[in-house]
PDB file of N, CA and C in Angstrom:
ATOM      1  N   MET A   1      87.824  78.830  70.815  1.00  0.00           N
ATOM      2  CA  MET A   1      86.935  79.961  70.661  1.00  0.00           C
ATOM      3  C   MET A   1      85.887  79.954  71.772  1.00  0.00           C
ATOM      4  N   ALA A   2      85.386  78.773  72.102  1.00  0.00           N
ATOM      5  CA  ALA A   2      84.391  78.674  73.166  1.00  0.00           C
ATOM      6  C   ALA A   2      84.992  79.066  74.513  1.00  0.00           C
ATOM      7  N   LYS A   3      86.254  78.728  74.716  1.00  0.00           N
ATOM      8  CA  LYS A   3      86.935  79.077  75.957  1.00  0.00           C
ATOM      9  C   LYS A   3      87.038  80.601  76.098  1.00  0.00           C
ATOM     10  N   TRP A   4      87.447  81.263  75.042  1.00  0.00           N
ATOM     11  CA  TRP A   4      87.571  82.721  75.043  1.00  0.00           C
ATOM     12  C   TRP A   4      86.210  83.376  75.245  1.00  0.00           C
ATOM     13  N   PHE A   5      85.200  82.883  74.525  1.00  0.00           N
ATOM     14  CA  PHE A   5      83.857  83.447  74.631  1.00  0.00           C
ATOM     15  C   PHE A   5      83.285  83.236  76.031  1.00  0.00           C
ATOM     16  N   GLY A   6      83.496  82.061  76.592  1.00  0.00           N
ATOM     17  CA  GLY A   6      82.968  81.763  77.920  1.00  0.00           C
ATOM     18  C   GLY A   6      83.541  82.654  79.000  1.00  0.00           C
ATOM     19  N   ILE A   7      84.852  82.843  78.966  1.00  0.00           N
ATOM     20  CA  ILE A   7      85.506  83.683  79.966  1.00  0.00           C
ATOM     21  C   ILE A   7      85.073  85.142  79.815  1.00  0.00           C
ATOM     22  N   SER A   8      85.057  85.637  78.585  1.00  0.00           N
ATOM     23  CA  SER A   8      84.659  87.033  78.342  1.00  0.00           C
ATOM     24  C   SER A   8      83.217  87.284  78.756  1.00  0.00           C
ATOM     25  N   THR A   9      82.342  86.379  78.396  1.00  0.00           N
ATOM     26  CA  THR A   9      80.929  86.531  78.739  1.00  0.00           C
ATOM     27  C   THR A   9      80.714  86.417  80.245  1.00  0.00           C
ATOM     28  N   GLY A  10      81.438  85.506  80.876  1.00  0.00           N
ATOM     29  CA  GLY A  10      81.327  85.355  82.325  1.00  0.00           C
ATOM     30  C   GLY A  10      81.731  86.609  83.068  1.00  0.00           C
ATOM     31  N   ILE A  11      82.832  87.208  82.654  1.00  0.00           N
ATOM     32  CA  ILE A  11      83.304  88.434  83.303  1.00  0.00           C
ATOM     33  C   ILE A  11      82.291  89.555  83.110  1.00  0.00           C
ATOM     34  N   GLU A  12      81.775  89.712  81.911  1.00  0.00           N
ATOM     35  CA  GLU A  12      80.780  90.765  81.654  1.00  0.00           C
ATOM     36  C   GLU A  12      79.519  90.553  82.474  1.00  0.00           C
ATOM     37  N   ALA A  13      79.041  89.318  82.556  1.00  0.00           N
ATOM     38  CA  ALA A  13      77.811  89.026  83.292  1.00  0.00           C
ATOM     39  C   ALA A  13      77.988  89.298  84.782  1.00  0.00           C
ATOM     40  N   ILE A  14      79.126  88.905  85.334  1.00  0.00           N
ATOM     41  CA  ILE A  14      79.354  89.114  86.765  1.00  0.00           C
ATOM     42  C   ILE A  14      79.548  90.597  87.069  1.00  0.00           C
ATOM     43  N   GLN A  15      80.211  91.328  86.184  1.00  0.00           N
ATOM     44  CA  GLN A  15      80.362  92.767  86.403  1.00  0.00           C
ATOM     45  C   GLN A  15      79.012  93.469  86.353  1.00  0.00           C
ATOM     46  N   ASP A  16      78.136  93.051  85.452  1.00  0.00           N
ATOM     47  CA  ASP A  16      76.790  93.616  85.415  1.00  0.00           C
ATOM     48  C   ASP A  16      76.023  93.295  86.693  1.00  0.00           C
ATOM     49  N   CYS A  17      76.188  92.079  87.179  1.00  0.00           N
ATOM     50  CA  CYS A  17      75.534  91.673  88.418  1.00  0.00           C
ATOM     51  C   CYS A  17      76.041  92.492  89.603  1.00  0.00           C
ATOM     52  N   MET A  18      77.342  92.754  89.618  1.00  0.00           N
ATOM     53  CA  MET A  18      77.910  93.560  90.696  1.00  0.00           C
ATOM     54  C   MET A  18      77.363  94.982  90.659  1.00  0.00           C
ATOM     55  N   GLN A  19      77.157  95.518  89.466  1.00  0.00           N
ATOM     56  CA  GLN A  19      76.578  96.853  89.355  1.00  0.00           C
ATOM     57  C   GLN A  19      75.144  96.870  89.854  1.00  0.00           C
ATOM     58  N   MET A  20      74.399  95.807  89.597  1.00  0.00           N
ATOM     59  CA  MET A  20      73.015  95.742  90.068  1.00  0.00           C
ATOM     60  C   MET A  20      72.956  95.669  91.592  1.00  0.00           C
ATOM     61  N   HIS A  21      73.918  95.000  92.204  1.00  0.00           N
ATOM     62  CA  HIS A  21      73.952  94.900  93.662  1.00  0.00           C
ATOM     63  C   HIS A  21      74.513  96.162  94.311  1.00  0.00           C
ATOM     64  N   GLY A  22      75.136  97.010  93.533  1.00  0.00           N
ATOM     65  CA  GLY A  22      75.711  98.241  94.072  1.00  0.00           C
ATOM     66  C   GLY A  22      76.921  97.945  94.941  1.00  0.00           C
ATOM     67  N   ALA A  23      77.058  98.689  96.024  1.00  0.00           N
ATOM     68  CA  ALA A  23      78.210  98.525  96.906  1.00  0.00           C
ATOM     69  C   ALA A  23      78.223  97.156  97.563  1.00  0.00           C
ATOM     70  N   ASN A  24      77.060  96.543  97.758  1.00  0.00           N
ATOM     71  CA  ASN A  24      77.006  95.218  98.377  1.00  0.00           C
ATOM     72  C   ASN A  24      77.654  94.152  97.497  1.00  0.00           C
ATOM     73  N   GLY A  25      77.705  94.370  96.200  1.00  0.00           N
ATOM     74  CA  GLY A  25      78.316  93.406  95.302  1.00  0.00           C
ATOM     75  C   GLY A  25      79.807  93.250  95.517  1.00  0.00           C
ATOM     76  N   TYR A  26      80.444  94.231  96.143  1.00  0.00           N
ATOM     77  CA  TYR A  26      81.882  94.184  96.380  1.00  0.00           C
ATOM     78  C   TYR A  26      82.243  93.614  97.757  1.00  0.00           C
ATOM     79  N   LEU A  27      81.234  93.380  98.581  1.00  0.00           N
ATOM     80  CA  LEU A  27      81.493  92.833  99.911  1.00  0.00           C
ATOM     81  C   LEU A  27      81.763  91.341  99.846  1.00  0.00           C
ATOM     82  N   LYS A  28      82.628  90.865 100.717  1.00  0.00           N
ATOM     83  CA  LYS A  28      82.939  89.437 100.744  1.00  0.00           C
ATOM     84  C   LYS A  28      81.799  88.618 101.336  1.00  0.00           C
ATOM     85  N   ASP A  29      80.819  89.269 101.946  1.00  0.00           N
ATOM     86  CA  ASP A  29      79.674  88.549 102.511  1.00  0.00           C
ATOM     87  C   ASP A  29      78.754  88.014 101.420  1.00  0.00           C
ATOM     88  N   HIS A  30      78.816  88.593 100.228  1.00  0.00           N
ATOM     89  CA  HIS A  30      77.956  88.176  99.130  1.00  0.00           C
ATOM     90  C   HIS A  30      78.733  87.302  98.163  1.00  0.00           C
ATOM     91  N   TYR A  31      78.028  86.475  97.436  1.00  0.00           N
ATOM     92  CA  TYR A  31      78.649  85.506  96.529  1.00  0.00           C
ATOM     93  C   TYR A  31      79.187  86.143  95.248  1.00  0.00           C
ATOM     94  N   VAL A  32      78.737  87.319  94.893  1.00  0.00           N
ATOM     95  CA  VAL A  32      79.089  87.920  93.609  1.00  0.00           C
ATOM     96  C   VAL A  32      80.582  88.218  93.526  1.00  0.00           C
ATOM     97  N   GLU A  33      81.127  88.757  94.568  1.00  0.00           N
ATOM     98  CA  GLU A  33      82.551  89.124  94.588  1.00  0.00           C
ATOM     99  C   GLU A  33      83.426  87.882  94.424  1.00  0.00           C
ATOM    100  N   GLN A  34      83.044  86.785  95.059  1.00  0.00           N
ATOM    101  CA  GLN A  34      83.803  85.537  94.945  1.00  0.00           C
ATOM    102  C   GLN A  34      83.735  84.990  93.525  1.00  0.00           C
ATOM    103  N   ARG A  35      82.591  85.087  92.879  1.00  0.00           N
ATOM    104  CA  ARG A  35      82.441  84.585  91.511  1.00  0.00           C
ATOM    105  C   ARG A  35      83.320  85.363  90.536  1.00  0.00           C
ATOM    106  N   LEU A  36      83.452  86.660  90.756  1.00  0.00           N
ATOM    107  CA  LEU A  36      84.320  87.456  89.888  1.00  0.00           C
ATOM    108  C   LEU A  36      85.776  87.012  90.025  1.00  0.00           C
ATOM    109  N   ARG A  37      86.204  86.763  91.256  1.00  0.00           N
ATOM    110  CA  ARG A  37      87.573  86.272  91.460  1.00  0.00           C
ATOM    111  C   ARG A  37      87.768  84.902  90.827  1.00  0.00           C
ATOM    112  N   ASP A  38      86.742  84.062  90.898  1.00  0.00           N
ATOM    113  CA  ASP A  38      86.833  82.731  90.287  1.00  0.00           C
ATOM    114  C   ASP A  38      87.002  82.818  88.779  1.00  0.00           C
ATOM    115  N   VAL A  39      86.216  83.673  88.128  1.00  0.00           N
ATOM    116  CA  VAL A  39      86.288  83.789  86.673  1.00  0.00           C
ATOM    117  C   VAL A  39      87.596  84.444  86.246  1.00  0.00           C
ATOM    118  N   TYR A  40      88.067  85.417  87.008  1.00  0.00           N
ATOM    119  CA  TYR A  40      89.354  86.044  86.681  1.00  0.00           C
ATOM    120  C   TYR A  40      90.495  85.028  86.720  1.00  0.00           C
ATOM    121  N   SER A  41      90.391  84.017  87.563  1.00  0.00           N
ATOM    122  CA  SER A  41      91.456  83.020  87.628  1.00  0.00           C
ATOM    123  C   SER A  41      91.555  82.233  86.329  1.00  0.00           C
ATOM    124  N   PHE A  42      90.470  82.098  85.583  1.00  0.00           N
ATOM    125  CA  PHE A  42      90.507  81.401  84.299  1.00  0.00           C
ATOM    126  C   PHE A  42      91.318  82.171  83.251  1.00  0.00           C
ATOM    127  N   LEU A  43      91.475  83.472  83.446  1.00  0.00           N
ATOM    128  CA  LEU A  43      92.280  84.259  82.515  1.00  0.00           C
ATOM    129  C   LEU A  43      93.729  83.794  82.504  1.00  0.00           C
ATOM    130  N   PHE A  44      94.206  83.314  83.632  1.00  0.00           N
ATOM    131  CA  PHE A  44      95.616  82.980  83.764  1.00  0.00           C
ATOM    132  C   PHE A  44      95.886  81.486  83.710  1.00  0.00           C
ATOM    133  N   THR A  45      94.923  80.668  84.097  1.00  0.00           N
ATOM    134  CA  THR A  45      95.183  79.228  84.160  1.00  0.00           C
ATOM    135  C   THR A  45      95.103  78.560  82.798  1.00  0.00           C
ATOM    136  N   GLY A  46      94.166  78.943  81.959  1.00  0.00           N
ATOM    137  CA  GLY A  46      94.012  78.298  80.665  1.00  0.00           C
ATOM    138  C   GLY A  46      94.735  79.003  79.543  1.00  0.00           C
ATOM    139  N   GLY A  47      95.500  80.003  79.848  1.00  0.00           N
ATOM    140  CA  GLY A  47      96.148  80.825  78.830  1.00  0.00           C
ATOM    141  C   GLY A  47      95.440  82.163  78.760  1.00  0.00           C
ATOM    142  N   THR A  48      96.176  83.187  78.460  1.00  0.00           N
ATOM    143  CA  THR A  48      95.572  84.512  78.417  1.00  0.00           C
ATOM    144  C   THR A  48      94.644  84.636  77.216  1.00  0.00           C
ATOM    145  N   LEU A  49      93.765  85.602  77.268  1.00  0.00           N
ATOM    146  CA  LEU A  49      92.825  85.811  76.159  1.00  0.00           C
ATOM    147  C   LEU A  49      93.555  86.154  74.871  1.00  0.00           C
ATOM    148  N   ASN A  50      94.667  86.879  74.969  1.00  0.00           N
ATOM    149  CA  ASN A  50      95.420  87.228  73.767  1.00  0.00           C
ATOM    150  C   ASN A  50      96.020  85.997  73.105  1.00  0.00           C
ATOM    151  N   ILE A  51      96.486  85.054  73.888  1.00  0.00           N
ATOM    152  CA  ILE A  51      97.025  83.815  73.334  1.00  0.00           C
ATOM    153  C   ILE A  51      95.907  83.015  72.675  1.00  0.00           C
ATOM    154  N   MET A  52      94.734  82.973  73.306  1.00  0.00           N
ATOM    155  CA  MET A  52      93.597  82.262  72.723  1.00  0.00           C
ATOM    156  C   MET A  52      93.185  82.871  71.389  1.00  0.00           C
ATOM    157  N   LYS A  53      93.210  84.187  71.306  1.00  0.00           N
ATOM    158  CA  LYS A  53      92.874  84.864  70.048  1.00  0.00           C
ATOM    159  C   LYS A  53      93.926  84.577  68.981  1.00  0.00           C
ATOM    160  N   LEU A  54      95.186  84.558  69.373  1.00  0.00           N
ATOM    161  CA  LEU A  54      96.260  84.266  68.429  1.00  0.00           C
ATOM    162  C   LEU A  54      96.126  82.853  67.872  1.00  0.00           C
ATOM    163  N   ILE A  55      95.814  81.899  68.714  1.00  0.00           N
ATOM    164  CA  ILE A  55      95.619  80.515  68.266  1.00  0.00           C
ATOM    165  C   ILE A  55      94.434  80.430  67.315  1.00  0.00           C
ATOM    166  N   LEU A  56      93.366  81.141  67.635  1.00  0.00           N
ATOM    167  CA  LEU A  56      92.177  81.138  66.790  1.00  0.00           C
ATOM    168  C   LEU A  56      92.471  81.712  65.407  1.00  0.00           C
ATOM    169  N   VAL A  57      93.173  82.846  65.350  1.00  0.00           N
ATOM    170  CA  VAL A  57      93.522  83.461  64.069  1.00  0.00           C
ATOM    171  C   VAL A  57      94.441  82.550  63.268  1.00  0.00           C
ATOM    172  N   ARG A  58      95.390  81.923  63.941  1.00  0.00           N
ATOM    173  CA  ARG A  58      96.320  81.026  63.254  1.00  0.00           C
ATOM    174  C   ARG A  58      95.577  79.841  62.640  1.00  0.00           C
ATOM    175  N   GLN A  59      94.586  79.303  63.339  1.00  0.00           N
ATOM    176  CA  GLN A  59      93.844  78.164  62.820  1.00  0.00           C
ATOM    177  C   GLN A  59      92.892  78.556  61.696  1.00  0.00           C
ATOM    178  N   LEU A  60      92.315  79.744  61.785  1.00  0.00           N
ATOM    179  CA  LEU A  60      91.343  80.168  60.773  1.00  0.00           C
ATOM    180  C   LEU A  60      91.997  80.731  59.515  1.00  0.00           C
ATOM    181  N   LEU A  61      93.029  81.557  59.683  1.00  0.00           N
ATOM    182  CA  LEU A  61      93.603  82.279  58.556  1.00  0.00           C
ATOM    183  C   LEU A  61      94.995  81.826  58.153  1.00  0.00           C
ATOM    184  N   GLY A  62      95.682  81.120  59.014  1.00  0.00           N
ATOM    185  CA  GLY A  62      97.031  80.679  58.696  1.00  0.00           C
ATOM    186  C   GLY A  62      98.064  81.442  59.502  1.00  0.00           C
ATOM    187  N   GLU A  63      99.259  80.898  59.544  1.00  0.00           N
ATOM    188  CA  GLU A  63     100.322  81.482  60.361  1.00  0.00           C
ATOM    189  C   GLU A  63     100.780  82.854  59.879  1.00  0.00           C
ATOM    190  N   GLU A  64     100.705  83.127  58.568  1.00  0.00           N
ATOM    191  CA  GLU A  64     101.178  84.424  58.070  1.00  0.00           C
ATOM    192  C   GLU A  64     100.324  85.585  58.562  1.00  0.00           C
ATOM    193  N   PHE A  65      99.031  85.354  58.878  1.00  0.00           N
ATOM    194  CA  PHE A  65      98.167  86.401  59.387  1.00  0.00           C
ATOM    195  C   PHE A  65      98.285  86.580  60.885  1.00  0.00           C
ATOM    196  N   ALA A  66      98.829  85.603  61.559  1.00  0.00           N
ATOM    197  CA  ALA A  66      98.982  85.675  63.018  1.00  0.00           C
ATOM    198  C   ALA A  66     100.284  86.348  63.405  1.00  0.00           C
ATOM    199  N   GLY A  67     101.082  86.758  62.438  1.00  0.00           N
ATOM    200  CA  GLY A  67     102.341  87.434  62.732  1.00  0.00           C
ATOM    201  C   GLY A  67     103.438  86.478  63.135  1.00  0.00           C
ATOM    202  N   LEU A  68     103.314  85.208  62.748  1.00  0.00           N
ATOM    203  CA  LEU A  68     104.315  84.214  63.128  1.00  0.00           C
ATOM    204  C   LEU A  68     105.342  83.981  62.036  1.00  0.00           C
ATOM    205  N   ARG A  69     105.003  84.337  60.806  1.00  0.00           N
ATOM    206  CA  ARG A  69     105.943  84.196  59.696  1.00  0.00           C
ATOM    207  C   ARG A  69     106.046  85.516  58.955  1.00  0.00           C
ATOM    208  N   ALA A  70     107.164  85.728  58.338  1.00  0.00           N
ATOM    209  CA  ALA A  70     107.370  86.970  57.577  1.00  0.00           C
ATOM    210  C   ALA A  70     106.800  86.836  56.184  1.00  0.00           C
TER     211      ALA A  70
END
């Protein structure tokens, strides 16, 4: 759950920061654009957010609520 929350919050915070910087936030000369690419890489390396949510639901509510059993 912390992994999912951390990645989601990181992406939101960096996107807000990019909006505050305006067009300069998208330039490679500034650190903001690089940080967004760094956080996006966590979406794929540690498992997708949907898989993390599925694991969380399975642990909290059981396999029948996660759509794994009929």
